[in-house]
Amino acid sequence: MRKTKILVSACLLGECCKYNGSHNRNEQVIALKEKFDLIPVCPECFGGLPTPRAPSEIRNGRVISATGEDVTAAFCEGAEQTLYIARETNCAAAVLKERSPSCGCGSIYDGTFTGTTVAGNGITAALLLANNIAVFGESQLRKLSDYLLFDEEI
């Protein structure tokens, strides 16, 4: 039996692609592999940004690093690459890292590098949503389950 495919932020699967060279390993997300085919993605790496790299946040519609560099183009390129993968693999949904300037959905950091969040979506999350791909954060696995009409508990 084929499993439903979903995109997953690679950092949530333990890949060291986070801006500081670390990861955001999440055992509940990793456990999804029992029910789904997980397709790991890191839009920031896809956009050509190095690991480690300066943290970035969205400010006035642009992605700006903590060093003041405008990295919007790299974030947009990574988003396009992620959308391409989603389409090519026929992914039903995505589980992405919350609050990220790439992957955050519903809430992102406000661009002041103070840990303050505001309503909004990261560049990749917004592009996926605009292309009818449902996006869930790592704390929304129950909503993912409901969305995919999956009866068993995750």
Protein backbone atom coordinates (compact mmCIF):
# COMPACT_ATOMS: atom_id res chain seq x y z
CA MET A 1 0.00 0.00 0.00
CA ARG A 2 1.32 3.42 -0.95
CA LYS A 3 1.63 6.01 1.77
CA THR A 4 0.48 9.60 1.36
CA LYS A 5 3.43 11.93 0.73
CA ILE A 6 3.98 15.05 2.79
CA LEU A 7 6.72 17.65 2.75
CA VAL A 8 8.54 18.09 6.05
CA SER A 9 11.07 20.70 7.11
CA ALA A 10 14.37 18.81 7.15
CA CYS A 11 15.40 20.44 10.45
CA LEU A 12 12.39 18.80 12.13
CA LEU A 13 13.74 15.43 10.97
CA GLY A 14 17.08 16.12 12.63
CA GLU A 15 19.01 17.46 9.63
CA CYS A 16 21.55 20.10 10.67
CA CYS A 17 20.32 22.77 8.26
CA LYS A 18 19.07 25.32 10.80
CA TYR A 19 20.62 28.80 10.51
CA ASN A 20 23.01 28.08 13.40
CA GLY A 21 24.11 24.70 12.02
CA SER A 22 21.88 22.75 14.41
CA HIS A 23 18.43 21.20 13.98
CA ASN A 24 14.92 21.22 15.45
CA ARG A 25 14.52 17.43 15.71
CA ASN A 26 10.96 16.58 16.69
CA GLU A 27 10.19 12.97 17.56
CA GLN A 28 6.45 13.37 16.90
CA VAL A 29 7.20 14.63 13.40
CA ILE A 30 9.70 11.82 12.81
CA ALA A 31 7.06 9.31 13.92
CA LEU A 32 4.92 10.42 10.97
CA LYS A 33 7.11 8.14 8.82
CA GLU A 34 5.07 5.20 10.10
CA LYS A 35 1.98 6.54 8.33
CA PHE A 36 3.34 8.81 5.57
CA ASP A 37 6.19 9.11 3.09
CA LEU A 38 8.13 12.11 4.35
CA ILE A 39 9.81 14.33 1.76
CA PRO A 40 12.45 16.45 3.56
CA VAL A 41 12.93 20.04 2.39
CA CYS A 42 15.00 23.01 3.48
CA PRO A 43 14.00 26.02 1.42
CA GLU A 44 16.85 28.12 2.78
CA CYS A 45 19.43 25.55 1.65
CA PHE A 46 17.58 25.13 -1.67
CA GLY A 47 17.94 28.89 -2.13
CA GLY A 48 21.71 28.60 -1.84
CA LEU A 49 22.18 29.91 1.69
CA PRO A 50 25.02 28.31 3.68
CA THR A 51 24.77 26.46 6.97
CA PRO A 52 25.46 28.04 9.37
CA ARG A 53 24.20 31.46 8.32
CA ALA A 54 23.03 34.63 10.02
CA PRO A 55 19.44 34.35 11.27
CA SER A 56 16.87 36.14 9.12
CA GLU A 57 13.43 37.59 9.67
CA ILE A 58 10.79 39.20 7.47
CA ARG A 59 10.64 42.99 7.72
CA ASN A 60 8.43 45.13 5.47
CA GLY A 61 7.94 42.27 3.03
CA ARG A 62 11.68 41.58 2.65
CA VAL A 63 13.81 38.89 4.31
CA ILE A 64 16.68 40.58 6.14
CA SER A 65 19.50 38.81 7.97
CA ALA A 66 20.67 39.89 11.41
CA THR A 67 23.72 41.37 9.66
CA GLY A 68 21.46 43.59 7.51
CA GLU A 69 21.78 41.62 4.26
CA ASP A 70 18.67 41.36 2.09
CA VAL A 71 18.33 37.63 1.40
CA THR A 72 14.83 37.77 -0.09
CA ALA A 73 15.97 36.39 -3.46
CA ALA A 74 17.47 33.28 -1.85
CA PHE A 75 14.31 32.69 0.19
CA CYS A 76 12.13 33.07 -2.93
CA GLU A 77 14.34 30.68 -4.91
CA GLY A 78 14.13 28.11 -2.10
CA ALA A 79 10.36 28.50 -1.97
CA GLU A 80 10.09 27.88 -5.72
CA GLN A 81 12.29 24.78 -5.43
CA THR A 82 10.13 23.49 -2.57
CA LEU A 83 6.95 24.04 -4.58
CA TYR A 84 8.53 22.18 -7.50
CA ILE A 85 9.31 19.20 -5.23
CA ALA A 86 5.79 19.26 -3.79
CA ARG A 87 4.30 19.13 -7.26
CA GLU A 88 6.72 16.52 -8.63
CA THR A 89 6.13 14.18 -5.68
CA ASN A 90 2.40 14.88 -5.45
CA CYS A 91 2.55 15.87 -1.79
CA ALA A 92 -0.80 16.14 -0.03
CA ALA A 93 0.37 18.62 2.61
CA ALA A 94 3.41 20.03 4.40
CA VAL A 95 4.63 20.03 8.01
CA LEU A 96 6.94 23.02 8.36
CA LYS A 97 8.95 24.70 11.11
CA GLU A 98 6.85 27.21 12.98
CA ARG A 99 7.80 30.91 13.09
CA SER A 100 10.50 30.49 10.41
CA PRO A 101 10.85 33.23 7.76
CA SER A 102 10.66 30.40 5.20
CA CYS A 103 8.34 27.88 6.76
CA GLY A 104 6.30 29.66 9.41
CA CYS A 105 2.55 29.47 8.90
CA GLY A 106 0.20 31.83 10.72
CA SER A 107 2.90 33.31 12.95
CA ILE A 108 6.43 34.49 12.16
CA TYR A 109 9.10 36.56 13.89
CA ASP A 110 8.50 40.28 13.41
CA GLY A 111 11.83 41.36 11.93
CA THR A 112 13.27 42.93 15.09
CA PHE A 113 15.29 39.86 16.19
CA THR A 114 13.75 40.14 19.67
CA GLY A 115 11.76 36.90 19.61
CA THR A 116 8.52 38.81 19.05
CA THR A 117 6.02 37.16 16.72
CA VAL A 118 3.34 38.61 14.47
CA ALA A 119 0.61 37.11 12.31
CA GLY A 120 1.97 36.10 8.93
CA ASN A 121 3.50 33.38 6.81
CA GLY A 122 7.03 32.61 5.76
CA ILE A 123 7.99 32.85 2.09
CA THR A 124 7.71 29.11 1.39
CA ALA A 125 4.56 28.58 3.46
CA ALA A 126 2.86 31.45 1.62
CA LEU A 127 3.82 30.05 -1.79
CA LEU A 128 2.61 26.55 -0.91
CA LEU A 129 -0.67 27.90 0.44
CA ALA A 130 -1.15 30.03 -2.70
CA ASN A 131 -0.78 26.82 -4.70
CA ASN A 132 -3.37 24.90 -2.66
CA ILE A 133 -0.94 22.86 -0.58
CA ALA A 134 -2.03 22.74 3.06
CA VAL A 135 0.66 23.76 5.55
CA PHE A 136 0.84 22.74 9.21
CA GLY A 137 3.35 23.62 11.92
CA GLU A 138 4.96 20.95 14.06
CA SER A 139 2.49 21.65 16.89
CA GLN A 140 -0.47 21.04 14.54
CA LEU A 141 -0.13 17.32 13.86
CA ARG A 142 -3.71 16.69 14.99
CA LYS A 143 -4.93 19.19 12.39
CA LEU A 144 -2.80 17.42 9.78
CA SER A 145 -4.43 14.16 10.76
CA ASP A 146 -7.90 15.67 10.49
CA TYR A 147 -7.05 17.27 7.15
CA LEU A 148 -5.87 14.00 5.66
CA LEU A 149 -8.93 12.23 7.11
CA PHE A 150 -6.70 9.81 8.93
CA ASP A 151 -8.59 7.98 11.69
CA GLU A 152 -5.74 6.59 13.76
CA GLU A 153 -3.86 8.70 16.24
CA ILE A 154 -0.55 10.18 15.22
